């Protein structure tokens, strides 16, 4: 009887790159200085891995694009550097226009990363300020209520009838598979959760439109739902 084993299909880009580095260590690497790759190496990869059920052509193409767009790789594209094939053999030399293209791509990538970081920082600061303002308003309202009660004559205690209590709202941490676009949630941006609506789900990043008008991107751990 022939024993069969299930092959794990890699879908995560980082896992695919790690797999390529394991299969072709003279070509791909995970750390240190990267080696410029042979032009047209995708076709070579597709041919060598055509019977490999671990990765698909689509995943290979995505992983290769991610690898060659990384800052580590772009820094390695210098005039005169040797390109390599899957076995590490020389397969061309980096020319001036290749370096210029890499430098431009690196600069654009760094600028985009800086812009994303600045946008995220501003959103976090705005959300924290909004949460702080809401907290300050709540404290001021509570203080005013206490002052009003202190000035009012004491009411006789009622007997035989239980006071109606306002039901409390219990929040629970959201699970990624529970969330969907359009769902009402609470976002913990400060001490007080802020209500909002999910507008986009991008892997672990959840985009939420807050009731105060701000749009924020947070991790799943900062999102809560009502029990």
N, C-alpha and C. Protein backbone atom coordinates (compact mmCIF):
# COMPACT_ATOMS: atom_id res chain seq x y z
N UNK A 1 0.84 -1.20 0.00
CA UNK A 1 0.00 0.00 0.00
C UNK A 1 0.88 1.25 0.00
N UNK A 2 0.59 2.18 -0.87
CA UNK A 2 1.38 3.41 -0.99
C UNK A 2 0.88 4.44 0.01
N UNK A 3 1.81 4.96 0.80
CA UNK A 3 1.46 5.99 1.78
C UNK A 3 1.55 7.36 1.13
N UNK A 4 0.57 8.18 1.34
CA UNK A 4 0.58 9.53 0.80
C UNK A 4 0.62 10.54 1.94
N UNK A 5 1.29 11.63 1.74
CA UNK A 5 1.37 12.68 2.76
C UNK A 5 0.85 13.98 2.18
N UNK A 6 0.19 14.74 3.02
CA UNK A 6 -0.32 16.03 2.59
C UNK A 6 0.81 17.04 2.52
N UNK A 7 0.93 17.74 1.41
CA UNK A 7 1.97 18.76 1.24
C UNK A 7 1.41 20.10 1.67
N UNK A 8 2.15 20.78 2.55
CA UNK A 8 1.71 22.10 3.01
C UNK A 8 1.93 23.12 1.90
N UNK A 9 0.86 23.72 1.45
CA UNK A 9 0.93 24.75 0.42
C UNK A 9 1.27 26.09 1.07
N UNK A 10 2.40 26.67 0.69
CA UNK A 10 2.81 27.94 1.27
C UNK A 10 2.04 29.09 0.64
N UNK A 11 1.46 29.95 1.48
CA UNK A 11 0.70 31.10 0.99
C UNK A 11 1.26 32.42 1.51
N UNK A 12 2.06 32.35 2.58
CA UNK A 12 2.65 33.56 3.16
C UNK A 12 3.93 33.92 2.39
N UNK A 13 4.04 35.18 1.99
CA UNK A 13 5.17 35.61 1.16
C UNK A 13 6.51 35.38 1.85
N UNK A 14 6.59 35.68 3.15
CA UNK A 14 7.84 35.48 3.87
C UNK A 14 8.22 34.00 3.91
N UNK A 15 7.20 33.15 4.07
CA UNK A 15 7.48 31.72 4.09
C UNK A 15 7.97 31.24 2.72
N UNK A 16 7.41 31.79 1.64
CA UNK A 16 7.84 31.41 0.30
C UNK A 16 9.28 31.84 0.07
N UNK A 17 9.65 33.05 0.50
CA UNK A 17 11.03 33.53 0.34
C UNK A 17 11.99 32.64 1.14
N UNK A 18 11.58 32.27 2.36
CA UNK A 18 12.41 31.38 3.18
C UNK A 18 12.58 30.03 2.48
N UNK A 19 11.52 29.55 1.83
CA UNK A 19 11.58 28.27 1.11
C UNK A 19 12.54 28.37 -0.08
N UNK A 20 12.49 29.49 -0.80
CA UNK A 20 13.40 29.70 -1.94
C UNK A 20 14.84 29.78 -1.47
N UNK A 21 15.07 30.42 -0.32
CA UNK A 21 16.43 30.53 0.22
C UNK A 21 16.95 29.15 0.64
N UNK A 22 16.03 28.29 1.10
CA UNK A 22 16.42 26.93 1.48
C UNK A 22 16.72 26.08 0.25
N UNK A 23 15.92 26.24 -0.80
CA UNK A 23 16.10 25.45 -2.02
C UNK A 23 17.29 25.94 -2.84
N UNK A 24 17.50 27.26 -2.86
CA UNK A 24 18.56 27.84 -3.70
C UNK A 24 19.42 28.80 -2.86
N UNK A 25 20.19 28.27 -1.92
CA UNK A 25 20.97 29.12 -1.00
C UNK A 25 22.06 29.94 -1.68
N UNK A 26 22.49 29.54 -2.88
CA UNK A 26 23.52 30.30 -3.60
C UNK A 26 22.92 31.49 -4.35
N UNK A 27 21.60 31.59 -4.32
CA UNK A 27 20.91 32.66 -5.05
C UNK A 27 20.16 33.60 -4.09
N UNK A 28 19.32 33.01 -3.23
CA UNK A 28 18.51 33.79 -2.30
C UNK A 28 19.08 33.74 -0.88
N UNK A 29 18.85 34.80 -0.12
CA UNK A 29 19.29 34.84 1.27
C UNK A 29 18.26 35.62 2.09
N UNK A 30 18.27 35.37 3.40
CA UNK A 30 17.32 36.04 4.29
C UNK A 30 17.95 37.18 5.07
N UNK A 31 19.27 37.21 5.13
CA UNK A 31 19.96 38.28 5.85
C UNK A 31 21.32 38.52 5.22
N UNK A 32 21.97 39.57 5.68
CA UNK A 32 23.26 39.92 5.09
C UNK A 32 23.08 40.60 3.74
N UNK A 33 24.15 40.68 2.97
CA UNK A 33 24.10 41.35 1.67
C UNK A 33 23.44 40.44 0.63
N UNK A 34 22.45 40.98 -0.06
CA UNK A 34 21.75 40.21 -1.09
C UNK A 34 22.57 40.17 -2.38
N UNK A 35 22.33 39.14 -3.20
CA UNK A 35 22.98 39.02 -4.49
C UNK A 35 22.01 39.45 -5.59
N UNK A 36 22.44 40.31 -6.51
CA UNK A 36 21.57 40.68 -7.64
C UNK A 36 21.21 39.43 -8.44
N UNK A 37 19.96 39.33 -8.84
CA UNK A 37 19.48 38.13 -9.53
C UNK A 37 19.57 38.26 -11.06
N UNK A 38 19.68 37.13 -11.66
CA UNK A 38 19.70 37.04 -13.12
C UNK A 38 18.41 37.62 -13.70
N UNK A 39 18.51 38.39 -14.77
CA UNK A 39 17.32 38.91 -15.44
C UNK A 39 16.55 37.73 -16.05
N UNK A 40 15.25 37.68 -15.76
CA UNK A 40 14.43 36.57 -16.25
C UNK A 40 14.48 35.34 -15.35
N UNK A 41 14.88 35.55 -14.09
CA UNK A 41 15.03 34.39 -13.20
C UNK A 41 13.68 33.76 -12.85
N UNK A 42 12.58 34.50 -13.01
CA UNK A 42 11.27 33.91 -12.72
C UNK A 42 11.01 32.68 -13.58
N UNK A 43 11.31 32.79 -14.87
CA UNK A 43 11.09 31.65 -15.77
C UNK A 43 11.92 30.45 -15.34
N UNK A 44 13.13 30.71 -14.90
CA UNK A 44 14.00 29.63 -14.43
C UNK A 44 13.42 28.99 -13.16
N UNK A 45 12.91 29.84 -12.25
CA UNK A 45 12.28 29.35 -11.03
C UNK A 45 11.06 28.51 -11.35
N UNK A 46 10.20 29.03 -12.23
CA UNK A 46 8.97 28.33 -12.59
C UNK A 46 9.27 26.96 -13.18
N UNK A 47 10.34 26.87 -13.98
CA UNK A 47 10.71 25.60 -14.60
C UNK A 47 11.24 24.62 -13.55
N UNK A 48 12.11 25.11 -12.66
CA UNK A 48 12.72 24.23 -11.67
C UNK A 48 11.71 23.75 -10.63
N UNK A 49 10.67 24.55 -10.38
CA UNK A 49 9.70 24.21 -9.34
C UNK A 49 8.34 23.80 -9.92
N UNK A 50 8.30 23.46 -11.19
CA UNK A 50 7.01 23.16 -11.83
C UNK A 50 6.33 21.94 -11.22
N UNK A 51 7.09 21.01 -10.66
CA UNK A 51 6.49 19.81 -10.04
C UNK A 51 6.46 19.91 -8.53
N UNK A 52 6.81 21.07 -7.99
CA UNK A 52 6.82 21.27 -6.54
C UNK A 52 5.45 21.76 -6.09
N UNK A 53 4.76 20.95 -5.33
CA UNK A 53 3.40 21.31 -4.90
C UNK A 53 3.40 22.30 -3.73
N UNK A 54 4.57 22.60 -3.20
CA UNK A 54 4.64 23.51 -2.05
C UNK A 54 4.32 24.94 -2.43
N UNK A 55 4.72 25.36 -3.64
CA UNK A 55 4.51 26.75 -4.06
C UNK A 55 3.90 26.78 -5.46
N UNK A 56 3.07 27.78 -5.69
CA UNK A 56 2.46 27.98 -7.00
C UNK A 56 3.23 29.08 -7.75
N UNK A 57 3.00 29.18 -9.06
CA UNK A 57 3.64 30.23 -9.85
C UNK A 57 3.26 31.61 -9.34
N UNK A 58 2.00 31.76 -8.96
CA UNK A 58 1.54 33.06 -8.48
C UNK A 58 2.28 33.46 -7.21
N UNK A 59 2.44 32.52 -6.28
CA UNK A 59 3.15 32.81 -5.03
C UNK A 59 4.63 33.08 -5.29
N UNK A 60 5.21 32.35 -6.24
CA UNK A 60 6.62 32.58 -6.58
C UNK A 60 6.80 33.98 -7.14
N UNK A 61 5.89 34.40 -8.04
CA UNK A 61 5.98 35.73 -8.65
C UNK A 61 5.85 36.82 -7.58
N UNK A 62 4.87 36.65 -6.66
CA UNK A 62 4.67 37.63 -5.59
C UNK A 62 5.88 37.71 -4.68
N UNK A 63 6.42 36.54 -4.30
CA UNK A 63 7.58 36.50 -3.42
C UNK A 63 8.81 37.12 -4.08
N UNK A 64 8.99 36.84 -5.38
CA UNK A 64 10.13 37.39 -6.11
C UNK A 64 10.04 38.92 -6.19
N UNK A 65 8.82 39.43 -6.43
CA UNK A 65 8.63 40.88 -6.49
C UNK A 65 8.92 41.51 -5.12
N UNK A 66 8.46 40.87 -4.06
CA UNK A 66 8.70 41.37 -2.70
C UNK A 66 10.20 41.35 -2.39
N UNK A 67 10.87 40.29 -2.79
CA UNK A 67 12.31 40.14 -2.51
C UNK A 67 13.12 41.22 -3.23
N UNK A 68 12.82 41.42 -4.51
CA UNK A 68 13.61 42.38 -5.30
C UNK A 68 13.24 43.84 -5.03
N UNK A 69 12.13 44.07 -4.32
CA UNK A 69 11.75 45.43 -3.95
C UNK A 69 12.17 45.77 -2.52
N UNK A 70 12.78 44.80 -1.84
CA UNK A 70 13.21 45.06 -0.46
C UNK A 70 14.40 46.02 -0.46
N UNK A 71 14.53 46.78 0.62
CA UNK A 71 15.63 47.75 0.71
C UNK A 71 16.98 47.03 0.67
N UNK A 72 17.06 45.88 1.29
CA UNK A 72 18.31 45.13 1.32
C UNK A 72 18.76 44.76 -0.10
N UNK A 73 17.81 44.34 -0.92
CA UNK A 73 18.15 43.95 -2.29
C UNK A 73 18.49 45.18 -3.13
N UNK A 74 17.68 46.23 -3.03
CA UNK A 74 17.91 47.43 -3.85
C UNK A 74 19.26 48.05 -3.56
N UNK A 75 19.73 47.97 -2.29
CA UNK A 75 21.04 48.51 -1.96
C UNK A 75 22.17 47.71 -2.61
N UNK A 76 21.88 46.43 -2.94
CA UNK A 76 22.91 45.57 -3.52
C UNK A 76 23.06 45.76 -5.02
N UNK A 77 22.14 46.49 -5.63
CA UNK A 77 22.19 46.69 -7.09
C UNK A 77 23.12 47.86 -7.40
N UNK A 78 24.40 47.55 -7.54
CA UNK A 78 25.43 48.55 -7.81
C UNK A 78 26.15 48.22 -9.13
N UNK A 79 26.56 49.24 -9.83
CA UNK A 79 27.25 49.06 -11.11
C UNK A 79 28.45 48.12 -10.92
N UNK A 80 28.54 47.11 -11.77
CA UNK A 80 29.66 46.17 -11.72
C UNK A 80 29.39 44.94 -10.89
N UNK A 81 28.31 44.96 -10.05
CA UNK A 81 27.98 43.78 -9.24
C UNK A 81 27.54 42.64 -10.16
N UNK A 82 27.84 41.42 -9.76
CA UNK A 82 27.55 40.25 -10.58
C UNK A 82 26.14 39.71 -10.28
N UNK A 83 25.38 39.49 -11.33
CA UNK A 83 24.08 38.82 -11.18
C UNK A 83 24.32 37.31 -11.12
N UNK A 84 23.43 36.60 -10.41
CA UNK A 84 23.59 35.14 -10.28
C UNK A 84 22.31 34.43 -10.70
N UNK A 85 22.49 33.16 -11.12
CA UNK A 85 21.33 32.33 -11.41
C UNK A 85 20.98 31.52 -10.17
N UNK A 86 20.08 30.57 -10.28
CA UNK A 86 19.62 29.82 -9.11
C UNK A 86 20.73 29.03 -8.43
N UNK A 87 21.76 28.67 -9.18
CA UNK A 87 22.85 27.89 -8.61
C UNK A 87 24.04 28.76 -8.20
N UNK A 88 23.88 30.07 -8.30
CA UNK A 88 24.95 30.98 -7.89
C UNK A 88 25.95 31.27 -8.98
N UNK A 89 25.73 30.75 -10.19
CA UNK A 89 26.66 31.01 -11.29
C UNK A 89 26.46 32.42 -11.83
N UNK A 90 27.55 33.02 -12.35
CA UNK A 90 27.49 34.38 -12.88
C UNK A 90 26.52 34.44 -14.06
N UNK A 91 25.63 35.45 -14.03
CA UNK A 91 24.61 35.55 -15.08
C UNK A 91 24.38 37.01 -15.47
N UNK A 92 25.47 37.76 -15.64
CA UNK A 92 25.33 39.14 -16.06
C UNK A 92 25.94 40.11 -15.05
N UNK A 93 26.06 41.36 -15.45
CA UNK A 93 26.65 42.41 -14.62
C UNK A 93 25.65 43.57 -14.50
N UNK A 94 25.60 44.18 -13.32
CA UNK A 94 24.75 45.35 -13.10
C UNK A 94 25.29 46.53 -13.89
N UNK A 95 24.44 47.15 -14.70
CA UNK A 95 24.83 48.31 -15.49
C UNK A 95 24.32 49.58 -14.83
N UNK A 96 24.73 50.71 -15.39
CA UNK A 96 24.42 52.00 -14.77
C UNK A 96 22.91 52.25 -14.66
N UNK A 97 22.14 51.95 -15.72
CA UNK A 97 20.71 52.21 -15.68
C UNK A 97 20.01 51.29 -14.68
N UNK A 98 20.58 50.09 -14.43
CA UNK A 98 20.00 49.19 -13.42
C UNK A 98 20.16 49.81 -12.03
N UNK A 99 21.35 50.38 -11.76
CA UNK A 99 21.58 51.01 -10.47
C UNK A 99 20.68 52.22 -10.28
N UNK A 100 20.56 53.03 -11.33
CA UNK A 100 19.71 54.22 -11.23
C UNK A 100 18.25 53.83 -10.92
N UNK A 101 17.77 52.79 -11.58
CA UNK A 101 16.41 52.33 -11.34
C UNK A 101 16.25 51.85 -9.90
N UNK A 102 17.25 51.13 -9.39
CA UNK A 102 17.20 50.62 -8.01
C UNK A 102 17.22 51.78 -7.01
N UNK A 103 18.06 52.78 -7.27
CA UNK A 103 18.15 53.93 -6.36
C UNK A 103 16.83 54.70 -6.33
N UNK A 104 16.19 54.85 -7.49
CA UNK A 104 14.91 55.54 -7.55
C UNK A 104 13.83 54.76 -6.79
N UNK A 105 13.81 53.43 -7.00
CA UNK A 105 12.83 52.59 -6.31
C UNK A 105 13.04 52.63 -4.81
N UNK A 106 14.31 52.63 -4.36
CA UNK A 106 14.62 52.69 -2.93
C UNK A 106 14.17 54.01 -2.33
N UNK A 107 14.42 55.11 -3.03
CA UNK A 107 14.02 56.42 -2.52
C UNK A 107 12.50 56.53 -2.42
N UNK A 108 11.79 56.04 -3.42
CA UNK A 108 10.33 56.08 -3.41
C UNK A 108 9.77 55.21 -2.29
N UNK A 109 10.38 54.04 -2.08
CA UNK A 109 9.92 53.15 -1.03
C UNK A 109 10.12 53.76 0.34
N UNK A 110 11.27 54.40 0.56
CA UNK A 110 11.54 55.05 1.85
C UNK A 110 10.58 56.21 2.09
N UNK A 111 10.30 56.98 1.04
CA UNK A 111 9.38 58.11 1.16
C UNK A 111 7.97 57.62 1.51
N UNK A 112 7.55 56.55 0.86
CA UNK A 112 6.22 56.00 1.13
C UNK A 112 6.14 55.47 2.55
N UNK A 113 7.20 54.83 3.02
CA UNK A 113 7.22 54.30 4.39
C UNK A 113 7.16 55.43 5.41
N UNK A 114 7.90 56.51 5.13
CA UNK A 114 7.89 57.66 6.04
C UNK A 114 6.50 58.31 6.09
N UNK A 115 5.85 58.39 4.93
CA UNK A 115 4.51 58.98 4.87
C UNK A 115 3.51 58.12 5.64
N UNK A 116 3.60 56.79 5.47
CA UNK A 116 2.71 55.89 6.20
C UNK A 116 2.91 56.02 7.71
N UNK A 117 4.17 56.12 8.12
CA UNK A 117 4.48 56.25 9.54
C UNK A 117 3.94 57.56 10.11
N UNK A 118 4.09 58.65 9.34
CA UNK A 118 3.60 59.95 9.79
C UNK A 118 2.08 59.96 9.88
N UNK A 119 1.41 59.36 8.88
CA UNK A 119 -0.05 59.29 8.89
C UNK A 119 -0.55 58.48 10.08
N UNK A 120 0.12 57.35 10.34
CA UNK A 120 -0.28 56.51 11.47
C UNK A 120 -0.07 57.24 12.79
N UNK A 121 1.05 57.96 12.90
CA UNK A 121 1.34 58.69 14.13
C UNK A 121 0.31 59.79 14.37
N UNK A 122 -0.05 60.51 13.30
CA UNK A 122 -1.05 61.57 13.45
C UNK A 122 -2.41 61.00 13.84
N UNK A 123 -2.77 59.87 13.24
CA UNK A 123 -4.06 59.24 13.56
C UNK A 123 -4.09 58.79 15.01
N UNK A 124 -2.98 58.22 15.48
CA UNK A 124 -2.91 57.77 16.87
C UNK A 124 -2.99 58.96 17.83
N UNK A 125 -2.30 60.04 17.48
CA UNK A 125 -2.33 61.23 18.33
C UNK A 125 -3.74 61.84 18.37
N UNK A 126 -4.39 61.87 17.18
CA UNK A 126 -5.73 62.44 17.12
C UNK A 126 -6.72 61.57 17.89
N UNK A 127 -6.58 60.25 17.76
CA UNK A 127 -7.48 59.35 18.47
C UNK A 127 -7.27 59.46 19.97
N UNK A 128 -6.00 59.58 20.40
CA UNK A 128 -5.71 59.71 21.82
C UNK A 128 -6.26 61.03 22.36
N UNK A 129 -6.12 62.12 21.56
CA UNK A 129 -6.64 63.41 21.99
C UNK A 129 -8.16 63.37 22.10
N UNK A 130 -8.81 62.72 21.11
CA UNK A 130 -10.26 62.61 21.13
C UNK A 130 -10.73 61.82 22.35
N UNK A 131 -10.01 60.72 22.63
CA UNK A 131 -10.36 59.91 23.79
C UNK A 131 -10.16 60.70 25.08
N UNK A 132 -9.06 61.49 25.12
CA UNK A 132 -8.80 62.32 26.29
C UNK A 132 -9.86 63.39 26.47
N UNK A 133 -10.29 64.01 25.36
CA UNK A 133 -11.34 65.04 25.43
C UNK A 133 -12.65 64.43 25.93
N UNK A 134 -12.96 63.24 25.41
CA UNK A 134 -14.20 62.57 25.85
C UNK A 134 -14.12 62.22 27.33
N UNK A 135 -12.94 61.82 27.78
CA UNK A 135 -12.77 61.48 29.19
C UNK A 135 -12.92 62.72 30.06
N UNK A 136 -12.34 63.85 29.59
CA UNK A 136 -12.44 65.09 30.35
C UNK A 136 -13.89 65.57 30.42
N UNK A 137 -14.63 65.43 29.30
CA UNK A 137 -16.04 65.83 29.29
C UNK A 137 -16.86 64.97 30.24
N UNK A 138 -16.54 63.67 30.25
CA UNK A 138 -17.26 62.76 31.14
C UNK A 138 -17.01 63.11 32.60
N UNK A 139 -15.75 63.46 32.93
CA UNK A 139 -15.43 63.84 34.30
C UNK A 139 -16.13 65.14 34.70
N UNK A 140 -16.14 66.11 33.76
CA UNK A 140 -16.80 67.39 34.04
C UNK A 140 -18.29 67.19 34.24
N UNK A 141 -18.89 66.32 33.41
CA UNK A 141 -20.32 66.03 33.54
C UNK A 141 -20.64 65.36 34.86
N UNK A 142 -19.77 64.42 35.26
CA UNK A 142 -19.98 63.74 36.54
C UNK A 142 -19.85 64.71 37.71
N UNK A 143 -18.86 65.62 37.61
CA UNK A 143 -18.67 66.60 38.68
C UNK A 143 -19.87 67.54 38.78
N UNK A 144 -20.42 67.95 37.61
CA UNK A 144 -21.59 68.83 37.61
C UNK A 144 -22.80 68.11 38.21
N UNK A 145 -22.93 66.83 37.91
CA UNK A 145 -24.05 66.06 38.45
C UNK A 145 -23.95 65.93 39.96
N UNK A 146 -22.73 65.70 40.46
CA UNK A 146 -22.55 65.60 41.91
C UNK A 146 -22.86 66.93 42.60
N UNK A 147 -22.46 68.02 41.95
CA UNK A 147 -22.72 69.34 42.52
C UNK A 147 -24.21 69.62 42.55
N UNK A 148 -24.93 69.23 41.48
CA UNK A 148 -26.37 69.43 41.43
C UNK A 148 -27.09 68.61 42.49
N UNK A 149 -26.63 67.37 42.69
CA UNK A 149 -27.25 66.52 43.71
C UNK A 149 -27.02 67.08 45.11
N UNK A 150 -25.84 67.68 45.32
CA UNK A 150 -25.53 68.24 46.63
C UNK A 150 -26.44 69.41 46.96
N UNK A 151 -26.86 70.19 45.94
CA UNK A 151 -27.73 71.35 46.16
C UNK A 151 -29.20 70.96 46.30
N UNK A 152 -29.58 69.81 45.76
CA UNK A 152 -30.98 69.40 45.80
C UNK A 152 -31.33 68.80 47.16
N UNK A 153 -32.60 69.02 47.63
CA UNK A 153 -33.02 68.43 48.90
C UNK A 153 -33.04 66.91 48.79
N UNK A 154 -32.73 66.29 49.91
CA UNK A 154 -32.70 64.82 49.92
C UNK A 154 -34.09 64.26 49.68
N UNK A 155 -34.17 63.25 48.81
CA UNK A 155 -35.45 62.61 48.53
C UNK A 155 -35.68 61.47 49.50
N UNK A 156 -36.94 61.30 49.91
CA UNK A 156 -37.22 60.19 50.82
C UNK A 156 -36.92 58.87 50.14
N UNK A 157 -36.40 57.95 50.96
CA UNK A 157 -36.10 56.64 50.42
C UNK A 157 -37.38 55.89 50.09
N UNK A 158 -37.44 55.31 48.94
CA UNK A 158 -38.61 54.52 48.55
C UNK A 158 -38.49 53.12 49.14
N UNK A 159 -39.62 52.55 49.45
CA UNK A 159 -39.63 51.21 50.03
C UNK A 159 -40.47 50.29 49.16
N UNK A 160 -40.05 49.07 49.09
CA UNK A 160 -40.84 48.05 48.38
C UNK A 160 -40.64 48.03 46.89
N UNK A 161 -39.97 48.99 46.35
CA UNK A 161 -39.76 49.02 44.88
C UNK A 161 -38.28 49.13 44.58
N UNK A 162 -37.79 48.23 43.83
CA UNK A 162 -36.37 48.25 43.47
C UNK A 162 -36.13 49.31 42.42
N UNK A 163 -35.03 50.01 42.55
CA UNK A 163 -34.68 51.03 41.57
C UNK A 163 -34.30 50.37 40.25
N UNK A 164 -34.74 51.01 39.16
CA UNK A 164 -34.37 50.50 37.83
C UNK A 164 -32.92 50.87 37.56
N UNK A 165 -32.15 49.95 37.13
CA UNK A 165 -30.74 50.20 36.84
C UNK A 165 -30.51 50.13 35.33
N UNK A 166 -29.64 50.98 34.86
CA UNK A 166 -29.31 51.00 33.45
C UNK A 166 -28.37 49.85 33.13
N UNK A 167 -28.73 49.04 32.19
CA UNK A 167 -27.86 47.90 31.88
C UNK A 167 -26.48 48.37 31.41
N UNK A 168 -25.47 47.70 31.91
CA UNK A 168 -24.11 48.06 31.53
C UNK A 168 -23.77 47.40 30.19
N UNK A 169 -22.87 48.05 29.47
CA UNK A 169 -22.44 47.53 28.17
C UNK A 169 -21.12 46.78 28.37
N UNK A 170 -21.14 45.52 28.08
CA UNK A 170 -19.93 44.71 28.23
C UNK A 170 -19.22 44.59 26.89
N UNK A 171 -17.94 44.91 26.89
CA UNK A 171 -17.15 44.81 25.66
C UNK A 171 -16.23 43.60 25.75
N UNK A 172 -16.02 42.98 24.63
CA UNK A 172 -15.11 41.84 24.56
C UNK A 172 -14.18 42.03 23.38
N UNK A 173 -12.96 41.55 23.54
CA UNK A 173 -11.97 41.69 22.47
C UNK A 173 -12.45 40.99 21.20
N UNK A 174 -12.33 41.68 20.09
CA UNK A 174 -12.79 41.13 18.81
C UNK A 174 -11.81 40.09 18.29
N UNK A 175 -12.35 39.08 17.63
CA UNK A 175 -11.54 38.10 16.92
C UNK A 175 -11.54 38.46 15.43
N UNK A 176 -10.41 38.21 14.77
CA UNK A 176 -10.29 38.62 13.37
C UNK A 176 -11.41 38.06 12.50
N UNK A 177 -11.77 36.79 12.75
CA UNK A 177 -12.80 36.18 11.90
C UNK A 177 -14.21 36.63 12.23
N UNK A 178 -14.37 37.42 13.33
CA UNK A 178 -15.68 37.96 13.68
C UNK A 178 -15.96 39.28 12.96
N UNK A 179 -14.90 39.96 12.53
CA UNK A 179 -15.05 41.31 12.00
C UNK A 179 -15.44 41.30 10.52
N UNK A 180 -16.22 42.29 10.14
CA UNK A 180 -16.59 42.44 8.75
C UNK A 180 -16.84 43.92 8.46
N UNK A 181 -16.70 44.31 7.22
CA UNK A 181 -16.88 45.71 6.81
C UNK A 181 -18.31 46.15 7.12
N UNK A 182 -18.46 47.33 7.72
CA UNK A 182 -19.77 47.86 8.08
C UNK A 182 -20.15 47.58 9.51
N UNK A 183 -19.36 46.77 10.21
CA UNK A 183 -19.69 46.38 11.58
C UNK A 183 -19.39 47.52 12.56
N UNK A 184 -20.29 47.69 13.56
CA UNK A 184 -20.09 48.70 14.59
C UNK A 184 -19.18 48.11 15.67
N UNK A 185 -18.12 48.83 16.02
CA UNK A 185 -17.15 48.33 17.00
C UNK A 185 -16.76 49.47 17.94
N UNK A 186 -15.95 49.11 18.93
CA UNK A 186 -15.34 50.08 19.82
C UNK A 186 -13.83 49.97 19.66
N UNK A 187 -13.15 51.11 19.50
CA UNK A 187 -11.71 51.12 19.32
C UNK A 187 -11.06 51.71 20.56
N UNK A 188 -10.11 50.97 21.11
CA UNK A 188 -9.42 51.44 22.32
C UNK A 188 -8.20 52.25 21.92
N UNK A 189 -8.40 53.57 21.80
CA UNK A 189 -7.31 54.46 21.42
C UNK A 189 -6.73 55.19 22.62
N UNK A 190 -7.39 55.10 23.74
CA UNK A 190 -6.94 55.73 24.98
C UNK A 190 -7.58 55.00 26.16
N UNK A 191 -7.93 55.73 27.23
CA UNK A 191 -8.56 55.09 28.37
C UNK A 191 -10.02 54.74 28.09
N UNK A 192 -10.65 55.52 27.22
CA UNK A 192 -12.07 55.31 26.94
C UNK A 192 -12.23 54.81 25.50
N UNK A 193 -12.88 53.64 25.29
CA UNK A 193 -13.11 53.14 23.93
C UNK A 193 -13.96 54.13 23.13
N UNK A 194 -13.67 54.24 21.84
CA UNK A 194 -14.39 55.15 20.95
C UNK A 194 -15.17 54.33 19.93
N UNK A 195 -16.45 54.67 19.75
CA UNK A 195 -17.29 53.93 18.82
C UNK A 195 -16.92 54.25 17.38
N UNK A 196 -17.10 53.27 16.51
CA UNK A 196 -16.82 53.49 15.10
C UNK A 196 -17.34 52.34 14.25
N UNK A 197 -17.06 52.43 12.96
CA UNK A 197 -17.54 51.41 12.00
C UNK A 197 -16.37 50.92 11.17
N UNK A 198 -16.27 49.59 11.01
CA UNK A 198 -15.21 48.99 10.22
C UNK A 198 -15.42 49.34 8.74
N UNK A 199 -14.36 49.90 8.12
CA UNK A 199 -14.45 50.27 6.70
C UNK A 199 -13.59 49.39 5.80
N UNK A 200 -12.57 48.75 6.40
CA UNK A 200 -11.69 47.89 5.59
C UNK A 200 -10.95 46.93 6.51
N UNK A 201 -10.72 45.70 6.04
CA UNK A 201 -9.95 44.72 6.79
C UNK A 201 -8.78 44.29 5.91
N UNK A 202 -7.55 44.66 6.34
CA UNK A 202 -6.36 44.36 5.56
C UNK A 202 -5.43 43.49 6.41
N UNK A 203 -5.63 42.17 6.32
CA UNK A 203 -4.90 41.23 7.15
C UNK A 203 -5.08 41.59 8.63
N UNK A 204 -3.98 41.93 9.35
CA UNK A 204 -4.10 42.25 10.78
C UNK A 204 -4.47 43.70 11.02
N UNK A 205 -4.51 44.52 9.97
CA UNK A 205 -4.86 45.93 10.12
C UNK A 205 -6.35 46.14 9.88
N UNK A 206 -6.99 46.81 10.84
CA UNK A 206 -8.42 47.08 10.74
C UNK A 206 -8.62 48.59 10.58
N UNK A 207 -9.27 49.01 9.49
CA UNK A 207 -9.54 50.42 9.25
C UNK A 207 -10.93 50.75 9.82
N UNK A 208 -11.00 51.77 10.66
CA UNK A 208 -12.25 52.13 11.34
C UNK A 208 -12.53 53.61 11.18
N UNK A 209 -13.77 53.94 10.83
CA UNK A 209 -14.24 55.33 10.77
C UNK A 209 -14.88 55.63 12.12
N UNK A 210 -14.23 56.47 12.94
CA UNK A 210 -14.75 56.78 14.26
C UNK A 210 -15.93 57.75 14.17
N UNK A 211 -16.78 57.74 15.21
CA UNK A 211 -17.94 58.63 15.22
C UNK A 211 -17.54 60.10 15.28
N UNK A 212 -16.30 60.35 15.75
CA UNK A 212 -15.86 61.75 15.81
C UNK A 212 -15.32 62.25 14.47
N UNK A 213 -15.40 61.39 13.44
CA UNK A 213 -15.00 61.79 12.10
C UNK A 213 -13.61 61.35 11.69
N UNK A 214 -12.82 60.86 12.63
CA UNK A 214 -11.48 60.42 12.31
C UNK A 214 -11.48 59.01 11.73
N UNK A 215 -10.54 58.75 10.82
CA UNK A 215 -10.36 57.41 10.27
C UNK A 215 -9.03 56.89 10.80
N UNK A 216 -9.03 55.73 11.44
CA UNK A 216 -7.82 55.18 12.02
C UNK A 216 -7.58 53.77 11.52
N UNK A 217 -6.30 53.35 11.59
CA UNK A 217 -5.95 51.96 11.27
C UNK A 217 -5.32 51.37 12.52
N UNK A 218 -5.91 50.32 13.06
CA UNK A 218 -5.44 49.71 14.29
C UNK A 218 -5.30 48.21 14.11
N UNK A 219 -4.66 47.57 15.08
CA UNK A 219 -4.55 46.12 15.09
C UNK A 219 -5.84 45.53 15.69
N UNK A 220 -6.04 44.24 15.43
CA UNK A 220 -7.24 43.55 15.93
C UNK A 220 -7.32 43.66 17.44
N UNK A 221 -6.16 43.67 18.13
CA UNK A 221 -6.15 43.70 19.59
C UNK A 221 -6.74 44.97 20.16
N UNK A 222 -6.86 46.02 19.36
CA UNK A 222 -7.42 47.29 19.83
C UNK A 222 -8.90 47.42 19.51
N UNK A 223 -9.50 46.40 18.92
CA UNK A 223 -10.91 46.45 18.50
C UNK A 223 -11.74 45.58 19.45
N UNK A 224 -12.90 46.13 19.88
CA UNK A 224 -13.78 45.42 20.79
C UNK A 224 -15.20 45.43 20.23
N UNK A 225 -15.96 44.42 20.58
CA UNK A 225 -17.35 44.34 20.17
C UNK A 225 -18.23 44.19 21.39
N UNK A 226 -19.50 44.53 21.24
CA UNK A 226 -20.45 44.43 22.36
C UNK A 226 -20.92 43.00 22.50
N UNK A 227 -20.92 42.51 23.73
CA UNK A 227 -21.41 41.15 23.97
C UNK A 227 -22.91 41.07 23.71
